Amino acid sequence: MAVVMVGLCGVLVGCAGNAEPVAPEAVEPKAAEGKAGWTALPKSPLSPREAVLGLWTGREVLLIGGSDASPCPPSASCVGDPTPLADGAAFDPATDRWRKIADSPVPLTGGESAVVGGTVYVLPPDGKELLAYRIDADAWARMPVPFGGGYGLLAAGDRLVAYLGSEENGGGKDYLFDPRAATWSALPADPLNPAFDRAMAWTGSELVLFDHELVPNPGSEKPALTRAATLDLAAGSWRRLPDSEILGTGPWLAAGKELVNPMLGGADGGEVNGWGRTYPYGGGVAPATGTWSDLPKPPSGDVYSAGARTGGTAVYFGSDGVVLDTTTGTWQRVPAIPGGDVTHRTVVAAGVRMLVFGGASFDGTPAVVDDAWIWAP
């Protein structure tokens, strides 16, 4: 499948419908350089590792588990699974201090997570149980779940949503967890037919489902475009939104009245079963009206989308590339992290700041690392 970089009219900056055509080279944007570079953090209480679960509580970055096994080089085929770790630590950017936290009751390498109130919820990759970490008590609890693997987690106000990522192996229910009653309830069935690449986002008032229709050989003859529907949790009613012209189903950043997926690039179906034009991966949607919009034109050259930010929150895909400032509709380039090349870093959006930890270095003998850095746009 051919992949190209695309840039269309802005998701948050508006377009003049009667403007005179302008030569592309006259409006080619350039990503503004970050106002400051990366700052090395004090040494953490964690040993070198990769595949760490990282999340933001609203005050601290929590880093949990991971693997301290010798990393497998990108081009190698390694035998055996690394033994997960269970210890964790928290970093407070306001005080520049680390603290140890209680060990997870289940060793982790990744997983789904969400924060509701003062509790961090973690769904391990096997999906067999829900782990709940009370931040103020520094204590974990284990809770049963009414589902199996393949679920994602999302904070929806004072409740927790568990949604099925794909219906390729049969349909399943999405669930709502009420922490006060410690009970699960099934969400009303969505109005979209069976789907894959399912993802959800919370607007602050509604739950939004994004997916791709489950058809034989999706994308072989026409693009698998993103569909969407919203759910009013109070009323229990769904509302179908118009289908989009984008390929990505998330993740999404709530930016004012819009949800923004900042993934750059696009696809045209390739030479054999071309779709006639290029469809972008990312874009924006206003759930209240069902209006879809395009991302601002990205900077020239090869770039990798590192995410998007508002004035107080962000979503980051990686530690390099560019970041969309949704308040101005402009892209900002993320400076390179000092030192050698490190892969598989854990990346956490700490408000609008980006914190990275650990990873694998292949400069000489392959080894995991324990350095931590933070960048503020």
Protein backbone atom coordinates (compact mmCIF):
# COMPACT_ATOMS: atom_id res chain seq x y z
CA MET A 1 0.00 0.00 0.00
CA ALA A 2 1.42 3.34 -0.99
CA VAL A 3 1.77 5.84 1.84
CA VAL A 4 2.21 9.55 1.32
CA MET A 5 2.33 12.62 3.52
CA VAL A 6 -0.74 14.79 3.17
CA GLY A 7 -1.81 18.17 4.46
CA LEU A 8 -5.20 19.77 4.04
CA CYS A 9 -7.16 22.68 5.43
CA GLY A 10 -6.99 23.18 9.19
CA VAL A 11 -9.02 21.39 11.80
CA LEU A 12 -9.10 24.41 14.10
CA VAL A 13 -8.07 27.37 12.02
CA GLY A 14 -10.84 27.66 9.45
CA CYS A 15 -10.70 27.99 5.65
CA ALA A 16 -11.66 30.90 3.41
CA GLY A 17 -13.98 29.39 0.81
CA ASN A 18 -13.49 32.19 -1.73
CA ALA A 19 -9.72 32.64 -1.35
CA GLU A 20 -7.61 32.82 -4.49
CA PRO A 21 -5.49 29.73 -5.24
CA VAL A 22 -1.97 29.98 -3.85
CA ALA A 23 1.05 28.06 -5.06
CA PRO A 24 1.95 25.31 -2.56
CA GLU A 25 5.50 26.56 -2.15
CA ALA A 26 4.19 29.96 -1.06
CA VAL A 27 2.32 28.51 1.93
CA GLU A 28 4.55 25.59 2.86
CA PRO A 29 4.48 25.59 6.68
CA LYS A 30 7.47 25.04 8.88
CA ALA A 31 7.28 23.50 12.30
CA ALA A 32 8.33 25.91 15.00
CA GLU A 33 11.21 24.65 17.11
CA GLY A 34 10.47 23.84 20.73
CA LYS A 35 11.07 26.77 23.05
CA ALA A 36 13.24 24.58 25.24
CA GLY A 37 15.00 21.27 24.93
CA TRP A 38 14.79 18.16 27.05
CA THR A 39 15.63 18.27 30.75
CA ALA A 40 17.20 15.22 32.38
CA LEU A 41 15.30 14.10 35.47
CA PRO A 42 16.87 12.97 38.74
CA LYS A 43 17.68 9.27 38.84
CA SER A 44 14.52 7.23 39.40
CA PRO A 45 14.16 4.44 41.96
CA LEU A 46 13.52 1.96 39.12
CA SER A 47 16.13 -0.29 37.54
CA PRO A 48 16.84 -0.12 33.79
CA ARG A 49 13.92 -1.55 31.80
CA GLU A 50 11.62 -1.24 28.80
CA ALA A 51 7.93 -1.94 28.09
CA VAL A 52 6.90 0.07 31.17
CA LEU A 53 3.28 1.05 31.69
CA GLY A 54 3.17 4.84 32.04
CA LEU A 55 0.23 7.12 32.88
CA TRP A 56 -0.61 10.59 34.22
CA THR A 57 -2.76 10.95 37.32
CA GLY A 58 -3.22 14.71 36.96
CA ARG A 59 -0.41 15.34 39.45
CA GLU A 60 2.17 12.60 38.99
CA VAL A 61 3.50 10.31 36.29
CA LEU A 62 3.23 6.67 37.36
CA LEU A 63 5.61 4.10 35.88
CA ILE A 64 4.72 0.47 36.57
CA GLY A 65 6.34 -2.84 35.69
CA GLY A 66 8.23 -3.46 32.46
CA SER A 67 11.02 -5.88 31.58
CA ASP A 68 14.71 -5.77 32.50
CA ALA A 69 15.65 -8.64 30.17
CA SER A 70 18.32 -8.08 27.54
CA PRO A 71 16.48 -6.40 24.64
CA CYS A 72 15.98 -8.10 21.32
CA PRO A 73 17.55 -6.14 18.42
CA PRO A 74 15.01 -4.89 15.85
CA SER A 75 16.30 -7.18 13.09
CA ALA A 76 16.75 -10.28 15.29
CA SER A 77 14.44 -13.15 16.18
CA CYS A 78 14.65 -13.78 19.91
CA VAL A 79 13.35 -16.84 21.73
CA GLY A 80 11.51 -16.66 25.03
CA ASP A 81 9.30 -14.13 26.74
CA PRO A 82 10.75 -11.60 29.19
CA THR A 83 9.70 -11.93 32.83
CA PRO A 84 7.57 -8.89 33.73
CA LEU A 85 8.35 -6.69 36.71
CA ALA A 86 5.89 -5.53 39.35
CA ASP A 87 7.57 -2.54 41.03
CA GLY A 88 6.73 1.05 40.23
CA ALA A 89 7.50 4.69 40.90
CA ALA A 90 5.84 8.11 40.70
CA PHE A 91 7.36 11.41 39.55
CA ASP A 92 5.94 14.81 40.51
CA PRO A 93 6.98 17.48 37.96
CA ALA A 94 6.06 20.26 40.42
CA THR A 95 8.64 19.12 42.99
CA ASP A 96 11.02 17.29 40.65
CA ARG A 97 10.91 14.31 42.99
CA TRP A 98 10.43 10.56 42.65
CA ARG A 99 8.80 8.19 45.11
CA LYS A 100 8.43 4.44 45.16
CA ILE A 101 4.91 3.04 45.00
CA ALA A 102 3.58 -0.30 46.15
CA ASP A 103 4.28 -3.23 43.84
CA SER A 104 1.51 -4.24 41.47
CA PRO A 105 -0.16 -7.53 42.48
CA VAL A 106 0.40 -8.69 38.89
CA PRO A 107 3.71 -8.24 37.02
CA LEU A 108 3.11 -6.05 33.95
CA THR A 109 4.56 -5.27 30.56
CA GLY A 110 2.07 -2.76 29.27
CA GLY A 111 -1.70 -2.95 29.60
CA GLU A 112 -4.66 -0.58 29.46
CA SER A 113 -5.06 2.13 32.08
CA ALA A 114 -7.35 4.98 33.10
CA VAL A 115 -7.65 7.31 36.10
CA VAL A 116 -11.00 7.98 37.76
CA GLY A 117 -10.98 10.20 40.82
CA GLY A 118 -8.11 9.14 43.04
CA THR A 119 -7.87 5.61 41.66
CA VAL A 120 -5.76 4.24 38.81
CA TYR A 121 -7.34 1.32 36.98
CA VAL A 122 -5.12 -1.10 35.08
CA LEU A 123 -6.29 -3.90 32.80
CA PRO A 124 -3.41 -6.35 32.22
CA PRO A 125 -2.90 -7.64 28.66
CA ASP A 126 -4.66 -10.94 29.43
CA GLY A 127 -7.78 -9.04 30.57
CA LYS A 128 -8.53 -11.55 33.35
CA GLU A 129 -9.00 -9.01 36.12
CA LEU A 130 -8.99 -5.29 36.85
CA LEU A 131 -6.31 -3.83 39.10
CA ALA A 132 -7.18 -0.74 41.15
CA TYR A 133 -4.45 1.44 42.70
CA ARG A 134 -5.59 3.93 45.36
CA ILE A 135 -3.13 6.80 45.03
CA ASP A 136 -3.63 8.29 48.51
CA ALA A 137 -3.39 4.91 50.25
CA ASP A 138 -0.57 3.59 48.03
CA ALA A 139 -2.45 0.28 47.88
CA TRP A 140 -3.63 -2.11 45.17
CA ALA A 141 -6.80 -4.20 44.90
CA ARG A 142 -7.83 -6.91 42.44
CA MET A 143 -11.34 -6.92 40.97
CA PRO A 144 -13.25 -9.36 38.73
CA VAL A 145 -14.38 -8.33 35.26
CA PRO A 146 -17.38 -9.57 33.21
CA PHE A 147 -15.30 -9.89 30.02
CA GLY A 148 -12.09 -11.41 28.65
CA GLY A 149 -9.13 -10.06 26.71
CA GLY A 150 -9.11 -7.48 23.93
CA TYR A 151 -10.67 -4.60 25.87
CA GLY A 152 -9.56 -0.98 26.23
CA LEU A 153 -10.18 1.37 29.17
CA LEU A 154 -11.44 4.95 29.18
CA ALA A 155 -12.28 7.39 31.96
CA ALA A 156 -15.74 8.87 31.41
CA GLY A 157 -16.21 11.48 34.11
CA ASP A 158 -16.60 9.65 37.43
CA ARG A 159 -17.02 6.26 35.75
CA LEU A 160 -14.88 3.80 33.84
CA VAL A 161 -15.62 2.36 30.39
CA ALA A 162 -14.29 -0.97 29.10
CA TYR A 163 -14.78 -1.33 25.34
CA LEU A 164 -14.10 -4.24 23.00
CA GLY A 165 -11.33 -3.47 20.50
CA SER A 166 -12.60 -5.72 17.70
CA GLU A 167 -15.61 -7.86 16.84
CA GLU A 168 -13.68 -10.02 14.38
CA ASN A 169 -14.07 -13.07 16.64
CA GLY A 170 -17.71 -12.43 17.39
CA GLY A 171 -19.69 -9.64 18.93
CA GLY A 172 -19.30 -8.57 22.53
CA LYS A 173 -20.60 -6.00 24.94
CA ASP A 174 -19.04 -2.77 26.14
CA TYR A 175 -19.23 -2.10 29.87
CA LEU A 176 -19.54 0.74 32.36
CA PHE A 177 -18.02 0.48 35.85
CA ASP A 178 -19.34 2.57 38.74
CA PRO A 179 -16.53 2.89 41.32
CA ARG A 180 -18.90 3.99 44.11
CA ALA A 181 -20.98 0.83 43.86
CA ALA A 182 -18.13 -1.31 42.49
CA THR A 183 -20.52 -2.71 39.88
CA TRP A 184 -20.36 -3.35 36.13
CA SER A 185 -23.25 -2.79 33.71
CA ALA A 186 -23.45 -3.40 29.98
CA LEU A 187 -23.69 -0.36 27.73
CA PRO A 188 -26.57 -0.20 25.24
CA ALA A 189 -25.69 -1.87 21.93
CA ASP A 190 -24.19 0.66 19.50
CA PRO A 191 -25.94 1.44 16.18
CA LEU A 192 -22.96 0.38 14.03
CA ASN A 193 -22.79 -3.11 12.54
CA PRO A 194 -19.85 -5.43 13.47
CA ALA A 195 -16.52 -3.62 13.36
CA PHE A 196 -12.79 -3.75 13.99
CA ASP A 197 -10.30 -1.10 15.18
CA ARG A 198 -12.87 0.08 17.72
CA ALA A 199 -11.85 3.00 19.93
CA MET A 200 -13.66 5.36 22.26
CA ALA A 201 -13.21 8.93 23.47
CA TRP A 202 -14.89 11.09 26.14
CA THR A 203 -15.93 14.64 25.27
CA GLY A 204 -16.78 15.61 28.84
CA SER A 205 -20.47 14.99 28.23
CA GLU A 206 -20.73 12.15 25.72
CA LEU A 207 -19.01 8.89 24.87
CA VAL A 208 -17.88 8.66 21.23
CA LEU A 209 -17.26 5.36 19.45
CA PHE A 210 -15.00 5.16 16.39
CA ASP A 211 -14.57 2.04 14.26
CA HIS A 212 -14.11 0.41 10.85
CA GLU A 213 -16.86 -1.71 9.34
CA LEU A 214 -16.07 -5.43 9.44
CA VAL A 215 -16.21 -6.58 5.80
CA PRO A 216 -14.30 -9.26 3.82
CA ASN A 217 -10.81 -8.00 2.85
CA PRO A 218 -11.25 -4.46 4.22
CA GLY A 219 -9.36 -1.85 2.19
CA SER A 220 -8.85 -4.11 -0.83
CA GLU A 221 -11.29 -2.28 -3.11
CA LYS A 222 -12.23 0.82 -1.15
CA PRO A 223 -10.81 2.49 1.96
CA ALA A 224 -11.95 1.41 5.40
CA LEU A 225 -13.17 4.82 6.49
CA THR A 226 -13.78 5.72 10.10
CA ARG A 227 -17.36 5.63 11.37
CA ALA A 228 -18.61 7.22 14.58
CA ALA A 229 -21.54 7.36 16.99
CA THR A 230 -22.11 9.11 20.31
CA LEU A 231 -23.71 7.77 23.49
CA ASP A 232 -25.48 9.90 26.10
CA LEU A 233 -24.71 7.90 29.25
CA ALA A 234 -27.51 9.53 31.25
CA ALA A 235 -30.20 8.84 28.65
CA GLY A 236 -28.67 5.57 27.42
CA SER A 237 -29.26 6.62 23.79
CA TRP A 238 -26.93 6.48 20.79
CA ARG A 239 -26.69 8.98 17.95
CA ARG A 240 -25.05 8.02 14.64
CA LEU A 241 -22.63 10.58 13.19
CA PRO A 242 -21.88 11.01 9.48
CA ASP A 243 -19.06 8.78 8.23
CA SER A 244 -15.66 10.40 7.87
CA GLU A 245 -13.07 10.65 5.10
CA ILE A 246 -10.18 9.56 7.35
CA LEU A 247 -8.58 6.18 8.04
CA GLY A 248 -7.60 6.44 11.73
CA THR A 249 -9.83 5.54 14.67
CA GLY A 250 -7.68 7.12 17.38
CA PRO A 251 -6.34 8.03 19.81
CA TRP A 252 -8.21 11.29 20.28
CA LEU A 253 -7.58 14.53 22.14
CA ALA A 254 -10.52 16.60 23.39
CA ALA A 255 -9.83 20.16 22.18
CA GLY A 256 -12.70 22.50 22.91
CA LYS A 257 -15.75 21.32 20.99
CA GLU A 258 -13.70 18.96 18.84
CA LEU A 259 -11.90 15.66 19.11
CA VAL A 260 -8.58 15.64 17.25
CA ASN A 261 -6.62 12.67 15.91
CA PRO A 262 -3.20 14.13 14.94
CA MET A 263 -1.87 11.16 12.95
CA LEU A 264 -0.03 12.41 9.87
CA GLY A 265 0.20 10.70 6.49
CA GLY A 266 -2.32 8.83 4.43
CA ALA A 267 -2.85 5.94 2.01
CA ASP A 268 -4.19 5.57 -1.54
CA GLY A 269 -4.73 1.80 -1.78
CA GLY A 270 -1.64 1.11 -3.88
CA GLU A 271 -1.23 0.45 -7.59
CA VAL A 272 -3.39 -2.69 -7.91
CA ASN A 273 -6.56 -1.61 -6.12
CA GLY A 274 -6.06 2.12 -5.89
CA TRP A 275 -8.76 4.24 -4.29
CA GLY A 276 -8.45 7.14 -6.71
CA ARG A 277 -6.97 9.53 -4.18
CA THR A 278 -5.16 9.68 -0.87
CA TYR A 279 -7.13 9.48 2.35
CA PRO A 280 -5.52 10.95 5.49
CA TYR A 281 -5.06 8.98 8.69
CA GLY A 282 -5.92 11.85 11.04
CA GLY A 283 -8.46 14.62 11.30
CA GLY A 284 -10.97 16.18 13.64
CA VAL A 285 -14.66 15.88 14.45
CA ALA A 286 -17.15 18.02 16.36
CA PRO A 287 -19.41 15.38 17.97
CA ALA A 288 -22.21 17.85 18.69
CA THR A 289 -22.72 18.57 14.99
CA GLY A 290 -21.09 15.54 13.36
CA THR A 291 -18.83 17.82 11.30
CA TRP A 292 -15.48 16.34 10.24
CA SER A 293 -12.46 18.51 9.42
CA ASP A 294 -8.89 18.17 8.19
CA LEU A 295 -5.66 18.68 10.08
CA PRO A 296 -3.62 21.80 9.39
CA LYS A 297 -1.03 21.27 6.69
CA PRO A 298 2.03 19.58 8.22
CA PRO A 299 5.55 20.92 7.85
CA SER A 300 7.55 19.89 4.80
CA GLY A 301 9.88 16.92 4.85
CA ASP A 302 9.59 13.56 6.56
CA VAL A 303 7.95 13.99 9.94
CA TYR A 304 6.46 11.60 12.45
CA SER A 305 3.39 12.70 14.36
CA ALA A 306 4.23 12.98 18.04
CA GLY A 307 0.73 14.11 18.94
CA ALA A 308 -1.32 17.17 19.77
CA ARG A 309 -1.91 19.47 22.72
CA THR A 310 -4.36 22.00 24.06
CA GLY A 311 -3.53 24.60 26.69
CA GLY A 312 -3.53 21.98 29.44
CA THR A 313 -3.65 18.44 28.03
CA ALA A 314 -1.91 16.44 25.32
CA VAL A 315 -1.65 13.11 23.55
CA TYR A 316 1.75 11.93 22.32
CA PHE A 317 2.54 9.01 20.01
CA GLY A 318 6.34 9.15 20.36
CA SER A 319 9.28 11.25 21.49
CA ASP A 320 10.18 12.74 18.11
CA GLY A 321 8.44 14.45 15.23
CA VAL A 322 5.94 17.30 15.58
CA VAL A 323 3.11 18.32 17.89
CA LEU A 324 -0.07 20.11 16.82
CA ASP A 325 -0.89 23.11 19.00
CA THR A 326 -4.68 23.06 18.73
CA THR A 327 -4.98 26.56 20.21
CA THR A 328 -3.21 28.08 17.18
CA GLY A 329 -3.50 25.34 14.54
CA THR A 330 0.28 25.24 14.11
CA TRP A 331 2.83 22.42 14.35
CA GLN A 332 5.79 22.47 16.71
CA ARG A 333 8.85 20.29 16.25
CA VAL A 334 10.04 18.18 19.18
CA PRO A 335 13.83 18.44 19.64
CA ALA A 336 15.92 15.27 19.72
CA ILE A 337 16.64 13.73 23.11
CA PRO A 338 20.35 14.05 23.96
CA GLY A 339 22.53 10.95 23.93
CA GLY A 340 22.44 7.84 21.79
CA ASP A 341 19.53 6.27 19.97
CA VAL A 342 17.11 4.56 22.37
CA THR A 343 14.03 2.63 21.26
CA HIS A 344 10.88 1.51 23.08
CA ARG A 345 10.84 4.45 25.45
CA THR A 346 7.75 4.83 27.60
CA VAL A 347 6.11 8.13 26.61
CA VAL A 348 3.63 9.88 28.92
CA ALA A 349 1.74 13.13 28.40
CA ALA A 350 2.06 14.87 31.79
CA GLY A 351 -0.41 17.66 31.15
CA VAL A 352 1.18 19.29 28.09
CA ARG A 353 4.66 18.10 29.03
CA MET A 354 6.16 14.94 27.61
CA LEU A 355 7.99 12.57 29.94
CA VAL A 356 9.97 9.62 28.61
CA PHE A 357 11.55 6.80 30.58
CA GLY A 358 13.71 3.75 29.94
CA GLY A 359 13.91 1.86 26.68
CA ALA A 360 16.50 -0.21 24.84
CA SER A 361 19.91 0.88 23.54
CA PHE A 362 21.77 -0.99 20.82
CA ASP A 363 24.86 1.19 20.84
CA GLY A 364 27.32 -1.64 21.43
CA THR A 365 25.96 -4.43 23.63
CA PRO A 366 22.15 -4.37 23.67
CA ALA A 367 20.95 -3.12 27.04
CA VAL A 368 17.94 -1.58 28.71
CA VAL A 369 18.35 1.91 30.21
CA ASP A 370 16.87 3.85 33.12
CA ASP A 371 17.22 7.47 32.05
CA ALA A 372 14.24 9.83 32.22
CA TRP A 373 13.65 13.12 30.42
CA ILE A 374 10.93 15.74 30.29
CA TRP A 375 10.07 18.30 27.59
CA ALA A 376 7.73 21.25 27.81
CA PRO A 377 6.35 22.77 24.58
